[in-house]
Amino acid sequence: MRLTTKGRFAVTAMIDLALRENTGPVALAAISARQQISLSYLEQLFGKLRRHELVESTRGPGGGYSLGRKSDEITVADIIVAVDEPIDATGCGGKENCMGDDAGRCMTHDLWSSLNAKMIEYLDSISLRKLVEEQLAKGVSIEEHPVKRAISTQPVVKPIKITAPNSVFALGGAMSK
């Protein structure tokens, strides 16, 4: 089993959100900036997390995402399963046809199946609250004033005013003067 970026990013974003659960809805753009995760990727992940009711969305000014349940009721396994991350070490995906449809399962199928059970058991034993407490113990600081929401983080640049003629006719008119 290999945990892909989908699972790692989902857990990281949920920790970020849980750290700020008392400041109101958190904008995905703010999580994106802090965690260096693509905003469009976060939007995809949070759509799945919302469908599994792990997060709630708030629209409009000051909107964003907040936890759908208390952080001690959300486990790492919940997050990983919500974003469709497979937790499976078997070669057959649990279908018991490792050797092909006719041959059945491989000799090590039971080994990998029990590893799957242990991984799920372990990930199910770790709550989001525990991960948040670990981050706070490490000294992670949370800004007192949440990041102001804006459409863009880039400064507004006024367009350059062009005084040149924009057509052949305007050029002819400018030349005749």
C-alpha atoms as a PDB file:
ATOM      1  CA  MET A   1       0.000   0.000   0.000  1.00  0.00           C
ATOM      2  CA  ARG A   2       1.239   3.421  -0.864  1.00  0.00           C
ATOM      3  CA  LEU A   3      -0.386   6.546   0.500  1.00  0.00           C
ATOM      4  CA  THR A   4      -0.577   9.033  -2.359  1.00  0.00           C
ATOM      5  CA  THR A   5      -0.566  12.820  -2.223  1.00  0.00           C
ATOM      6  CA  LYS A   6      -4.366  12.747  -2.213  1.00  0.00           C
ATOM      7  CA  GLY A   7      -4.448  11.164   1.234  1.00  0.00           C
ATOM      8  CA  ARG A   8      -1.507  13.137   2.623  1.00  0.00           C
ATOM      9  CA  PHE A   9      -2.852  16.469   1.379  1.00  0.00           C
ATOM     10  CA  ALA A  10      -6.344  15.723   2.702  1.00  0.00           C
ATOM     11  CA  VAL A  11      -5.013  14.944   6.179  1.00  0.00           C
ATOM     12  CA  THR A  12      -2.725  18.009   6.127  1.00  0.00           C
ATOM     13  CA  ALA A  13      -5.566  20.316   5.056  1.00  0.00           C
ATOM     14  CA  MET A  14      -7.880  18.888   7.710  1.00  0.00           C
ATOM     15  CA  ILE A  15      -5.254  19.495  10.406  1.00  0.00           C
ATOM     16  CA  ASP A  16      -4.892  23.090   9.174  1.00  0.00           C
ATOM     17  CA  LEU A  17      -8.674  23.523   9.267  1.00  0.00           C
ATOM     18  CA  ALA A  18      -8.975  21.959  12.733  1.00  0.00           C
ATOM     19  CA  LEU A  19      -6.227  24.231  14.103  1.00  0.00           C
ATOM     20  CA  ARG A  20      -8.409  27.193  13.145  1.00  0.00           C
ATOM     21  CA  GLU A  21     -11.828  25.736  13.977  1.00  0.00           C
ATOM     22  CA  ASN A  22     -12.522  28.462  16.553  1.00  0.00           C
ATOM     23  CA  THR A  23     -11.930  31.364  14.141  1.00  0.00           C
ATOM     24  CA  GLY A  24     -14.914  30.659  11.898  1.00  0.00           C
ATOM     25  CA  PRO A  25     -14.943  29.344   8.337  1.00  0.00           C
ATOM     26  CA  VAL A  26     -11.492  28.979   6.765  1.00  0.00           C
ATOM     27  CA  ALA A  27     -10.968  29.869   3.111  1.00  0.00           C
ATOM     28  CA  LEU A  28      -9.342  27.215   0.944  1.00  0.00           C
ATOM     29  CA  ALA A  29      -7.104  29.930  -0.491  1.00  0.00           C
ATOM     30  CA  ALA A  30      -5.645  30.450   2.994  1.00  0.00           C
ATOM     31  CA  ILE A  31      -5.027  26.715   3.472  1.00  0.00           C
ATOM     32  CA  SER A  32      -3.528  26.586  -0.012  1.00  0.00           C
ATOM     33  CA  ALA A  33      -1.107  29.406   0.792  1.00  0.00           C
ATOM     34  CA  ARG A  34      -0.080  28.002   4.190  1.00  0.00           C
ATOM     35  CA  GLN A  35       0.323  24.376   3.121  1.00  0.00           C
ATOM     36  CA  GLN A  36       1.604  24.926  -0.431  1.00  0.00           C
ATOM     37  CA  ILE A  37      -1.210  22.848  -1.951  1.00  0.00           C
ATOM     38  CA  SER A  38      -2.846  23.766  -5.244  1.00  0.00           C
ATOM     39  CA  LEU A  39      -6.180  25.537  -4.708  1.00  0.00           C
ATOM     40  CA  SER A  40      -7.914  23.550  -7.442  1.00  0.00           C
ATOM     41  CA  TYR A  41      -6.672  20.298  -5.878  1.00  0.00           C
ATOM     42  CA  LEU A  42      -7.975  21.390  -2.470  1.00  0.00           C
ATOM     43  CA  GLU A  43     -11.352  22.198  -4.038  1.00  0.00           C
ATOM     44  CA  GLN A  44     -11.569  18.634  -5.362  1.00  0.00           C
ATOM     45  CA  LEU A  45     -10.564  17.129  -2.012  1.00  0.00           C
ATOM     46  CA  PHE A  46     -12.937  19.315  -0.005  1.00  0.00           C
ATOM     47  CA  GLY A  47     -15.806  18.423  -2.334  1.00  0.00           C
ATOM     48  CA  LYS A  48     -15.288  14.780  -1.350  1.00  0.00           C
ATOM     49  CA  LEU A  49     -14.819  15.640   2.335  1.00  0.00           C
ATOM     50  CA  ARG A  50     -18.068  17.648   2.238  1.00  0.00           C
ATOM     51  CA  ARG A  51     -19.981  14.749   0.642  1.00  0.00           C
ATOM     52  CA  HIS A  52     -18.788  12.540   3.525  1.00  0.00           C
ATOM     53  CA  GLU A  53     -19.898  15.270   5.985  1.00  0.00           C
ATOM     54  CA  LEU A  54     -16.411  15.749   7.433  1.00  0.00           C
ATOM     55  CA  VAL A  55     -16.522  19.456   6.547  1.00  0.00           C
ATOM     56  CA  GLU A  56     -19.266  22.044   6.042  1.00  0.00           C
ATOM     57  CA  SER A  57     -19.103  24.931   3.614  1.00  0.00           C
ATOM     58  CA  THR A  58     -20.262  28.494   4.162  1.00  0.00           C
ATOM     59  CA  ARG A  59     -20.871  30.691   1.148  1.00  0.00           C
ATOM     60  CA  GLY A  60     -20.480  34.402   0.728  1.00  0.00           C
ATOM     61  CA  PRO A  61     -18.170  37.001   2.237  1.00  0.00           C
ATOM     62  CA  GLY A  62     -16.312  35.520   5.178  1.00  0.00           C
ATOM     63  CA  GLY A  63     -17.212  32.050   3.949  1.00  0.00           C
ATOM     64  CA  GLY A  64     -15.076  28.975   3.755  1.00  0.00           C
ATOM     65  CA  TYR A  65     -14.984  25.571   5.385  1.00  0.00           C
ATOM     66  CA  SER A  66     -15.405  24.375   8.948  1.00  0.00           C
ATOM     67  CA  LEU A  67     -15.387  20.908  10.479  1.00  0.00           C
ATOM     68  CA  GLY A  68     -18.570  18.904  10.016  1.00  0.00           C
ATOM     69  CA  ARG A  69     -18.056  17.078  13.317  1.00  0.00           C
ATOM     70  CA  LYS A  70     -15.931  17.614  16.393  1.00  0.00           C
ATOM     71  CA  SER A  71     -12.249  16.985  15.743  1.00  0.00           C
ATOM     72  CA  ASP A  72     -12.159  14.116  18.231  1.00  0.00           C
ATOM     73  CA  GLU A  73     -14.911  12.361  16.236  1.00  0.00           C
ATOM     74  CA  ILE A  74     -12.974  12.460  12.928  1.00  0.00           C
ATOM     75  CA  THR A  75     -10.255   9.874  12.377  1.00  0.00           C
ATOM     76  CA  VAL A  76      -7.441   9.705   9.849  1.00  0.00           C
ATOM     77  CA  ALA A  77      -9.166   6.637   8.361  1.00  0.00           C
ATOM     78  CA  ASP A  78     -12.356   8.707   7.846  1.00  0.00           C
ATOM     79  CA  ILE A  79     -10.383  11.343   5.934  1.00  0.00           C
ATOM     80  CA  ILE A  80      -8.479   8.876   3.775  1.00  0.00           C
ATOM     81  CA  VAL A  81     -11.578   6.860   2.893  1.00  0.00           C
ATOM     82  CA  ALA A  82     -13.518  10.077   2.118  1.00  0.00           C
ATOM     83  CA  VAL A  83     -11.034  11.124  -0.580  1.00  0.00           C
ATOM     84  CA  ASP A  84     -11.154   7.657  -2.194  1.00  0.00           C
ATOM     85  CA  GLU A  85      -7.660   6.680  -1.111  1.00  0.00           C
ATOM     86  CA  PRO A  86      -7.430   2.885  -1.178  1.00  0.00           C
ATOM     87  CA  ILE A  87      -6.143   1.312   2.029  1.00  0.00           C
ATOM     88  CA  ASP A  88      -5.272  -2.031   0.519  1.00  0.00           C
ATOM     89  CA  ALA A  89      -1.993  -3.946   0.419  1.00  0.00           C
ATOM     90  CA  THR A  90      -3.335  -6.925  -1.516  1.00  0.00           C
ATOM     91  CA  GLY A  91      -2.517  -7.254  -5.186  1.00  0.00           C
ATOM     92  CA  CYS A  92      -6.121  -8.046  -6.046  1.00  0.00           C
ATOM     93  CA  GLY A  93      -7.876  -5.202  -4.229  1.00  0.00           C
ATOM     94  CA  GLY A  94      -9.521  -7.682  -1.839  1.00  0.00           C
ATOM     95  CA  LYS A  95     -11.257  -9.620  -4.641  1.00  0.00           C
ATOM     96  CA  GLU A  96      -9.300 -12.795  -3.828  1.00  0.00           C
ATOM     97  CA  ASN A  97      -8.368 -13.352  -7.480  1.00  0.00           C
ATOM     98  CA  CYS A  98      -4.657 -12.535  -7.155  1.00  0.00           C
ATOM     99  CA  MET A  99      -3.630 -15.359  -9.484  1.00  0.00           C
ATOM    100  CA  GLY A 100      -6.337 -14.691 -12.053  1.00  0.00           C
ATOM    101  CA  ASP A 101     -10.038 -15.368 -12.148  1.00  0.00           C
ATOM    102  CA  ASP A 102      -9.654 -19.151 -12.414  1.00  0.00           C
ATOM    103  CA  ALA A 103      -6.625 -19.698 -10.155  1.00  0.00           C
ATOM    104  CA  GLY A 104      -7.932 -17.912  -7.041  1.00  0.00           C
ATOM    105  CA  ARG A 105      -5.873 -16.081  -4.489  1.00  0.00           C
ATOM    106  CA  CYS A 106      -2.137 -16.025  -3.966  1.00  0.00           C
ATOM    107  CA  MET A 107      -0.286 -17.705  -1.101  1.00  0.00           C
ATOM    108  CA  THR A 108       0.309 -14.382   0.692  1.00  0.00           C
ATOM    109  CA  HIS A 109      -3.235 -13.057   0.384  1.00  0.00           C
ATOM    110  CA  ASP A 110      -4.040 -13.635   4.073  1.00  0.00           C
ATOM    111  CA  LEU A 111      -0.844 -11.828   5.091  1.00  0.00           C
ATOM    112  CA  TRP A 112      -1.774  -8.713   3.095  1.00  0.00           C
ATOM    113  CA  SER A 113      -5.397  -8.863   4.205  1.00  0.00           C
ATOM    114  CA  SER A 114      -4.381  -8.865   7.869  1.00  0.00           C
ATOM    115  CA  LEU A 115      -1.997  -5.975   7.152  1.00  0.00           C
ATOM    116  CA  ASN A 116      -4.974  -4.073   5.685  1.00  0.00           C
ATOM    117  CA  ALA A 117      -6.955  -4.715   8.865  1.00  0.00           C
ATOM    118  CA  LYS A 118      -4.065  -3.494  11.037  1.00  0.00           C
ATOM    119  CA  MET A 119      -3.605  -0.336   8.929  1.00  0.00           C
ATOM    120  CA  ILE A 120      -7.289   0.519   9.107  1.00  0.00           C
ATOM    121  CA  GLU A 121      -7.337  -0.211  12.829  1.00  0.00           C
ATOM    122  CA  TYR A 122      -4.308   2.047  13.373  1.00  0.00           C
ATOM    123  CA  LEU A 123      -5.591   4.928  11.216  1.00  0.00           C
ATOM    124  CA  ASP A 124      -8.989   4.633  12.886  1.00  0.00           C
ATOM    125  CA  SER A 125      -7.335   5.025  16.304  1.00  0.00           C
ATOM    126  CA  ILE A 126      -5.876   8.461  15.478  1.00  0.00           C
ATOM    127  CA  SER A 127      -8.272  11.355  15.804  1.00  0.00           C
ATOM    128  CA  LEU A 128      -7.921  14.729  14.153  1.00  0.00           C
ATOM    129  CA  ARG A 129      -7.893  16.262  17.657  1.00  0.00           C
ATOM    130  CA  LYS A 130      -4.791  14.192  18.521  1.00  0.00           C
ATOM    131  CA  LEU A 131      -2.973  15.445  15.414  1.00  0.00           C
ATOM    132  CA  VAL A 132      -3.920  19.044  16.253  1.00  0.00           C
ATOM    133  CA  GLU A 133      -2.646  18.637  19.821  1.00  0.00           C
ATOM    134  CA  GLU A 134       0.646  17.261  18.472  1.00  0.00           C
ATOM    135  CA  GLN A 135       1.036  20.307  16.215  1.00  0.00           C
ATOM    136  CA  LEU A 136       0.287  22.690  19.096  1.00  0.00           C
ATOM    137  CA  ALA A 137       2.823  20.842  21.280  1.00  0.00           C
ATOM    138  CA  LYS A 138       5.423  21.368  18.547  1.00  0.00           C
ATOM    139  CA  GLY A 139       4.777  25.097  18.767  1.00  0.00           C
ATOM    140  CA  VAL A 140       2.796  25.657  15.572  1.00  0.00           C
ATOM    141  CA  SER A 141       1.515  29.201  15.728  1.00  0.00           C
ATOM    142  CA  ILE A 142      -1.933  30.228  14.618  1.00  0.00           C
ATOM    143  CA  GLU A 143      -2.367  33.796  13.463  1.00  0.00           C
ATOM    144  CA  GLU A 144      -4.723  35.769  15.690  1.00  0.00           C
ATOM    145  CA  HIS A 145      -6.224  37.651  12.793  1.00  0.00           C
ATOM    146  CA  PRO A 146      -7.306  35.308  10.037  1.00  0.00           C
ATOM    147  CA  VAL A 147      -5.996  35.962   6.563  1.00  0.00           C
ATOM    148  CA  LYS A 148      -8.222  38.528   4.872  1.00  0.00           C
ATOM    149  CA  ARG A 149     -10.189  37.055   2.063  1.00  0.00           C
ATOM    150  CA  ALA A 150      -9.587  38.491  -1.336  1.00  0.00           C
ATOM    151  CA  ILE A 151     -10.169  37.410  -4.867  1.00  0.00           C
ATOM    152  CA  SER A 152      -6.464  37.505  -5.570  1.00  0.00           C
ATOM    153  CA  THR A 153      -3.322  37.768  -3.517  1.00  0.00           C
ATOM    154  CA  GLN A 154      -1.687  39.786  -6.301  1.00  0.00           C
ATOM    155  CA  PRO A 155      -1.788  43.596  -5.988  1.00  0.00           C
ATOM    156  CA  VAL A 156      -4.130  45.400  -8.342  1.00  0.00           C
ATOM    157  CA  VAL A 157      -2.176  46.891 -11.219  1.00  0.00           C
ATOM    158  CA  LYS A 158      -3.800  49.692 -13.168  1.00  0.00           C
ATOM    159  CA  PRO A 159      -3.805  49.101 -16.914  1.00  0.00           C
ATOM    160  CA  ILE A 160      -1.479  51.141 -19.074  1.00  0.00           C
ATOM    161  CA  LYS A 161      -3.338  53.793 -21.009  1.00  0.00           C
ATOM    162  CA  ILE A 162      -2.560  53.464 -24.685  1.00  0.00           C
ATOM    163  CA  THR A 163      -2.730  56.677 -26.683  1.00  0.00           C
ATOM    164  CA  ALA A 164      -1.770  55.199 -30.040  1.00  0.00           C
ATOM    165  CA  PRO A 165      -4.442  54.840 -32.734  1.00  0.00           C
ATOM    166  CA  ASN A 166      -6.104  51.439 -32.722  1.00  0.00           C
ATOM    167  CA  SER A 167      -6.934  51.119 -36.414  1.00  0.00           C
ATOM    168  CA  VAL A 168      -5.726  52.133 -39.844  1.00  0.00           C
ATOM    169  CA  PHE A 169      -8.563  54.667 -40.090  1.00  0.00           C
ATOM    170  CA  ALA A 170      -7.698  56.239 -36.748  1.00  0.00           C
ATOM    171  CA  LEU A 171      -4.043  56.350 -37.817  1.00  0.00           C
ATOM    172  CA  GLY A 172      -5.042  58.116 -41.069  1.00  0.00           C
ATOM    173  CA  GLY A 173      -7.148  60.575 -39.110  1.00  0.00           C
ATOM    174  CA  ALA A 174      -4.280  61.249 -36.686  1.00  0.00           C
ATOM    175  CA  MET A 175      -1.840  61.816 -39.582  1.00  0.00           C
ATOM    176  CA  SER A 176      -4.132  64.260 -41.371  1.00  0.00           C
ATOM    177  CA  LYS A 177      -4.278  66.598 -38.396  1.00  0.00           C
END
